[in-house]
Amino acid sequence: MKKNNSVLLSTPYILWMVAFTLIPLGVVAYYALTDPATGAFTLSNIRSLNMYWGVLWQSIAYSLVSALICLVLGYPVAYYIAHCRVTTQKILYMLVMLPMCMSFLLRTLAWVGLLQDTGILNDFLEAVGIGRRQLIRTPGAVILGMVYNYLPYMILPLYSTIVKINPRLIEAAEDLGCNSVQVFRRVTLPLSMPGILSGITMVFVPAVSTFYISQKLGGTDTVLIGDVIERQFKQGNNPNLGAALSLVLMLLVFVCTGIMNRFGADEEGGVIA
């Protein structure tokens, strides 16, 4: 009886997954492995990816750097929030989530206004005598946009993990003679490793596939794989090649998610033991 109830309750979720996940993935795979003219099976789209490996590696590098910066910035924030009073935690948690309620487009355009050659930051630099600098259309501007937009995705899983750490474990470490640095290194950091892996994945996955940030804040040398995919669908009129690039990107996302699940589960299991 319980089994029948479980199947019945999971039916809407299964239908949702089939309609909005499996079928779209199948469509992408179909276009990636077929000829645009005849519709016959071909691997020519996959072979054409050789010219874009450099762009893919650049996208991965930018995303990894952004994820690491988010980790460095987000961990202290999450640690502080987790050790505040419950009422303060709720307020700070809301403040972290508040920028996510604003349009991604508007958040990125705000940085364009700040960083452009006649923007607020350059006006300030000129006013203090430093002079105007090239702040936009640079790799640093693209990474800054990624960090700003995806930092909450790092803070939230870290906070959820740190707040669940049993205070008795920290008290036990202090009773055994550990100072604050040793407590953090031997207790807090290992116990928060699942949150770290989850946060890195949640930042890396959207960052590696982004295209709007690089278009607005980057230059001609900051083309990412998301830009190439968009151009194939909108300008290049080659959706089959765009689908092949999307298929490779999806496989990369699946690999990252699998690594997170594997090592996150191992860390969590090791901690409990």
Protein backbone atom coordinates (compact mmCIF):
# COMPACT_ATOMS: atom_id res chain seq x y z
CA MET A 1 0.00 0.00 0.00
CA LYS A 2 2.80 2.39 0.92
CA LYS A 3 4.62 1.54 -2.29
CA ASN A 4 1.54 2.36 -4.36
CA ASN A 5 1.15 5.67 -2.53
CA SER A 6 4.81 6.53 -3.18
CA VAL A 7 4.44 5.81 -6.88
CA LEU A 8 1.27 7.88 -7.05
CA LEU A 9 2.83 10.84 -5.26
CA SER A 10 5.95 10.73 -7.45
CA THR A 11 4.00 10.59 -10.72
CA PRO A 12 3.73 14.40 -11.19
CA TYR A 13 7.47 14.76 -10.59
CA ILE A 14 8.25 11.96 -13.07
CA LEU A 15 6.00 13.52 -15.71
CA TRP A 16 7.62 16.90 -15.11
CA MET A 17 11.11 15.43 -15.50
CA VAL A 18 10.17 13.62 -18.70
CA ALA A 19 8.46 16.65 -20.25
CA PHE A 20 10.96 19.34 -19.30
CA THR A 21 14.24 17.47 -18.88
CA LEU A 22 14.46 14.20 -20.77
CA ILE A 23 12.60 15.27 -23.91
CA PRO A 24 14.59 18.53 -24.32
CA LEU A 25 17.83 16.60 -23.79
CA GLY A 26 16.73 14.12 -26.43
CA VAL A 27 15.97 16.94 -28.88
CA VAL A 28 19.42 18.46 -28.31
CA ALA A 29 21.08 15.08 -28.84
CA TYR A 30 19.03 14.51 -32.02
CA TYR A 31 20.10 17.80 -33.60
CA ALA A 32 23.70 17.30 -32.49
CA LEU A 33 23.92 13.92 -34.24
CA THR A 34 22.03 14.67 -37.47
CA ASP A 35 22.84 16.44 -40.71
CA PRO A 36 21.06 19.83 -41.02
CA ALA A 37 20.21 19.24 -44.70
CA THR A 38 19.19 15.58 -44.84
CA GLY A 39 18.45 14.75 -41.21
CA ALA A 40 20.62 11.64 -41.48
CA PHE A 41 22.85 10.46 -38.64
CA THR A 42 26.31 12.04 -38.74
CA LEU A 43 29.23 12.86 -36.49
CA SER A 44 30.30 15.88 -38.52
CA ASN A 45 28.85 18.26 -35.92
CA ILE A 46 30.92 16.60 -33.19
CA ARG A 47 34.06 16.76 -35.37
CA SER A 48 33.47 20.47 -35.94
CA LEU A 49 33.97 21.08 -32.23
CA ASN A 50 37.77 20.92 -32.67
CA MET A 51 37.85 24.62 -33.53
CA TYR A 52 36.11 25.55 -30.28
CA TRP A 53 38.17 23.67 -27.69
CA GLY A 54 40.11 26.82 -26.87
CA VAL A 55 36.89 28.69 -26.13
CA LEU A 56 35.67 25.81 -23.97
CA TRP A 57 38.87 25.74 -21.91
CA GLN A 58 38.71 29.51 -21.49
CA SER A 59 35.13 29.20 -20.26
CA ILE A 60 36.17 26.51 -17.78
CA ALA A 61 39.10 28.63 -16.55
CA TYR A 62 36.93 31.73 -16.02
CA SER A 63 34.30 29.67 -14.23
CA LEU A 64 36.82 27.98 -11.92
CA VAL A 65 38.42 31.31 -11.01
CA SER A 66 34.97 32.78 -10.32
CA ALA A 67 34.02 29.79 -8.18
CA LEU A 68 37.22 30.05 -6.12
CA ILE A 69 36.75 33.79 -5.59
CA CYS A 70 33.15 33.16 -4.54
CA LEU A 71 34.42 30.54 -2.07
CA VAL A 72 36.97 32.94 -0.56
CA LEU A 73 34.36 35.68 -0.24
CA GLY A 74 31.38 33.53 0.60
CA TYR A 75 32.81 31.28 3.30
CA PRO A 76 33.43 34.05 5.87
CA VAL A 77 29.99 35.49 5.16
CA ALA A 78 28.28 32.12 5.57
CA TYR A 79 30.32 31.39 8.70
CA TYR A 80 29.34 34.73 10.24
CA ILE A 81 25.65 34.31 9.42
CA ALA A 82 25.61 30.77 10.83
CA HIS A 83 26.96 32.00 14.18
CA CYS A 84 24.56 34.92 14.60
CA ARG A 85 21.34 34.84 16.58
CA VAL A 86 18.39 33.20 14.87
CA THR A 87 16.63 36.51 14.20
CA THR A 88 19.80 38.03 12.75
CA GLN A 89 20.35 34.92 10.64
CA LYS A 90 16.95 35.35 9.01
CA ILE A 91 17.62 39.01 8.22
CA LEU A 92 21.08 38.37 6.77
CA TYR A 93 19.81 35.33 4.85
CA MET A 94 17.13 37.53 3.30
CA LEU A 95 19.71 40.18 2.38
CA VAL A 96 21.82 37.56 0.61
CA MET A 97 18.82 36.37 -1.38
CA LEU A 98 17.48 39.86 -2.10
CA PRO A 99 19.69 40.58 -5.16
CA MET A 100 18.49 37.32 -6.71
CA CYS A 101 14.98 38.78 -6.82
CA MET A 102 16.22 41.39 -9.28
CA SER A 103 16.54 40.61 -12.97
CA PHE A 104 19.86 39.05 -14.00
CA LEU A 105 19.85 41.43 -16.96
CA LEU A 106 19.50 44.53 -14.77
CA ARG A 107 22.20 43.38 -12.36
CA THR A 108 24.66 42.96 -15.21
CA LEU A 109 23.70 46.25 -16.85
CA ALA A 110 24.30 47.99 -13.52
CA TRP A 111 27.95 46.93 -13.68
CA VAL A 112 28.15 48.24 -17.24
CA GLY A 113 27.14 51.65 -15.91
CA LEU A 114 29.73 51.41 -13.16
CA LEU A 115 32.67 50.15 -15.22
CA GLN A 116 32.27 51.83 -18.60
CA ASP A 117 34.77 54.46 -19.73
CA THR A 118 32.44 57.29 -18.75
CA GLY A 119 30.99 55.41 -15.78
CA ILE A 120 30.82 56.21 -12.10
CA LEU A 121 34.06 54.46 -11.12
CA ASN A 122 36.12 56.15 -13.83
CA ASP A 123 34.62 59.50 -12.90
CA PHE A 124 35.70 58.87 -9.30
CA LEU A 125 39.22 57.82 -10.34
CA GLU A 126 39.57 60.96 -12.43
CA ALA A 127 38.28 63.13 -9.59
CA VAL A 128 40.92 61.79 -7.16
CA GLY A 129 43.71 62.26 -9.69
CA ILE A 130 44.33 58.65 -10.65
CA GLY A 131 42.92 59.02 -14.14
CA ARG A 132 40.55 56.87 -16.15
CA ARG A 133 41.30 53.17 -16.52
CA GLN A 134 40.14 50.38 -18.80
CA LEU A 135 37.71 48.70 -16.42
CA ILE A 136 35.25 47.20 -18.88
CA ARG A 137 35.85 44.86 -21.85
CA THR A 138 38.47 42.95 -19.84
CA PRO A 139 38.68 39.41 -18.43
CA GLY A 140 38.60 40.89 -14.93
CA ALA A 141 35.27 42.58 -15.65
CA VAL A 142 33.79 39.27 -16.84
CA ILE A 143 34.98 37.46 -13.71
CA LEU A 144 33.66 40.32 -11.57
CA GLY A 145 30.25 39.96 -13.20
CA MET A 146 30.25 36.21 -12.58
CA VAL A 147 31.25 36.61 -8.94
CA TYR A 148 28.64 39.29 -8.31
CA ASN A 149 25.79 37.34 -9.93
CA TYR A 150 26.62 33.90 -8.54
CA LEU A 151 28.02 34.69 -5.07
CA PRO A 152 24.67 33.92 -3.35
CA TYR A 153 24.83 30.42 -4.87
CA MET A 154 28.00 29.90 -2.84
CA ILE A 155 26.83 31.51 0.40
CA LEU A 156 23.51 29.67 0.73
CA PRO A 157 24.79 26.05 0.63
CA LEU A 158 27.74 26.96 2.85
CA TYR A 159 25.42 28.54 5.39
CA SER A 160 23.08 25.53 5.31
CA THR A 161 26.01 23.21 6.05
CA ILE A 162 27.81 25.29 8.68
CA VAL A 163 24.66 26.04 10.67
CA LYS A 164 24.07 22.28 11.09
CA ILE A 165 27.48 21.60 12.66
CA ASN A 166 26.99 20.30 16.18
CA PRO A 167 28.43 22.86 18.65
CA ARG A 168 29.41 20.00 20.95
CA LEU A 169 32.05 18.91 18.43
CA ILE A 170 33.66 22.33 18.63
CA GLU A 171 33.45 22.32 22.42
CA ALA A 172 35.06 18.88 22.50
CA ALA A 173 37.93 20.08 20.30
CA GLU A 174 38.47 23.10 22.56
CA ASP A 175 38.43 20.86 25.64
CA LEU A 176 41.14 18.76 24.03
CA GLY A 177 43.38 21.81 23.73
CA CYS A 178 42.70 23.06 20.18
CA ASN A 179 42.89 26.79 19.60
CA SER A 180 40.49 28.62 17.28
CA VAL A 181 42.63 28.00 14.19
CA GLN A 182 42.97 24.29 14.93
CA VAL A 183 39.23 24.00 15.62
CA PHE A 184 38.49 25.55 12.25
CA ARG A 185 41.07 23.44 10.39
CA ARG A 186 40.26 20.11 12.03
CA VAL A 187 36.53 20.40 12.74
CA THR A 188 34.68 23.22 10.99
CA LEU A 189 36.37 23.02 7.61
CA PRO A 190 36.07 19.23 7.16
CA LEU A 191 32.45 19.27 8.31
CA SER A 192 31.61 22.07 5.87
CA MET A 193 33.21 20.30 2.89
CA PRO A 194 29.85 19.12 1.44
CA GLY A 195 28.71 22.74 1.39
CA ILE A 196 31.96 23.80 -0.28
CA LEU A 197 31.57 21.20 -3.03
CA SER A 198 27.93 22.10 -3.50
CA GLY A 199 28.69 25.82 -3.66
CA ILE A 200 31.52 25.38 -6.16
CA THR A 201 29.26 23.30 -8.38
CA MET A 202 26.36 25.75 -8.12
CA VAL A 203 28.65 28.62 -9.17
CA PHE A 204 30.63 26.74 -11.81
CA VAL A 205 27.66 25.27 -13.71
CA PRO A 206 25.86 28.57 -14.55
CA ALA A 207 29.15 30.45 -14.98
CA VAL A 208 30.56 28.04 -17.59
CA SER A 209 27.42 28.35 -19.71
CA THR A 210 26.83 32.10 -19.36
CA PHE A 211 26.94 34.41 -22.35
CA TYR A 212 25.28 37.68 -21.39
CA ILE A 213 27.96 38.66 -18.85
CA SER A 214 30.78 38.17 -21.34
CA GLN A 215 28.89 40.11 -24.02
CA LYS A 216 28.24 43.14 -21.82
CA LEU A 217 31.40 43.22 -19.70
CA GLY A 218 33.92 41.44 -21.90
CA GLY A 219 35.75 42.22 -25.12
CA THR A 220 36.65 40.35 -28.27
CA ASP A 221 39.14 38.19 -26.36
CA THR A 222 36.64 37.05 -23.73
CA VAL A 223 34.35 34.92 -25.89
CA LEU A 224 32.90 32.03 -23.89
CA ILE A 225 31.26 28.81 -25.01
CA GLY A 226 27.82 30.22 -24.23
CA ASP A 227 28.47 33.06 -26.70
CA VAL A 228 29.39 30.56 -29.42
CA ILE A 229 26.24 28.50 -28.81
CA GLU A 230 24.04 31.59 -28.94
CA ARG A 231 25.63 32.74 -32.19
CA GLN A 232 25.07 29.36 -33.84
CA PHE A 233 21.35 29.57 -33.10
CA LYS A 234 20.80 33.28 -33.73
CA GLN A 235 23.45 34.44 -36.21
CA GLY A 236 25.22 31.42 -37.68
CA ASN A 237 21.96 29.68 -38.59
CA ASN A 238 23.52 26.34 -37.66
CA PRO A 239 21.42 24.90 -34.81
CA ASN A 240 22.98 21.46 -35.29
CA LEU A 241 26.44 22.72 -34.41
CA GLY A 242 24.95 24.74 -31.56
CA ALA A 243 23.24 21.58 -30.31
CA ALA A 244 26.56 19.69 -30.49
CA LEU A 245 28.23 22.38 -28.39
CA SER A 246 25.31 22.28 -25.96
CA LEU A 247 25.64 18.50 -25.72
CA VAL A 248 29.30 18.77 -24.75
CA LEU A 249 28.42 21.43 -22.21
CA MET A 250 25.69 19.24 -20.74
CA LEU A 251 28.11 16.34 -20.41
CA LEU A 252 30.51 18.65 -18.58
CA VAL A 253 27.70 19.70 -16.22
CA PHE A 254 26.78 16.03 -15.59
CA VAL A 255 30.43 15.21 -14.80
CA CYS A 256 30.67 18.12 -12.34
CA THR A 257 27.42 17.11 -10.66
CA GLY A 258 28.56 13.48 -10.43
CA ILE A 259 31.86 14.52 -8.85
CA MET A 260 30.02 16.67 -6.33
CA ASN A 261 27.64 13.86 -5.42
CA ARG A 262 30.43 11.31 -5.13
CA PHE A 263 32.91 13.27 -3.07
CA GLY A 264 30.22 15.17 -1.17
CA ALA A 265 28.72 11.87 -0.05
CA ASP A 266 32.16 10.53 0.87
CA GLU A 267 32.95 13.61 2.95
CA GLU A 268 29.61 13.51 4.68
CA GLY A 269 29.97 9.82 5.42
CA GLY A 270 33.50 10.30 6.70
CA VAL A 271 32.42 13.05 9.03
CA ILE A 272 29.69 10.99 10.58
CA ALA A 273 32.04 8.11 11.12
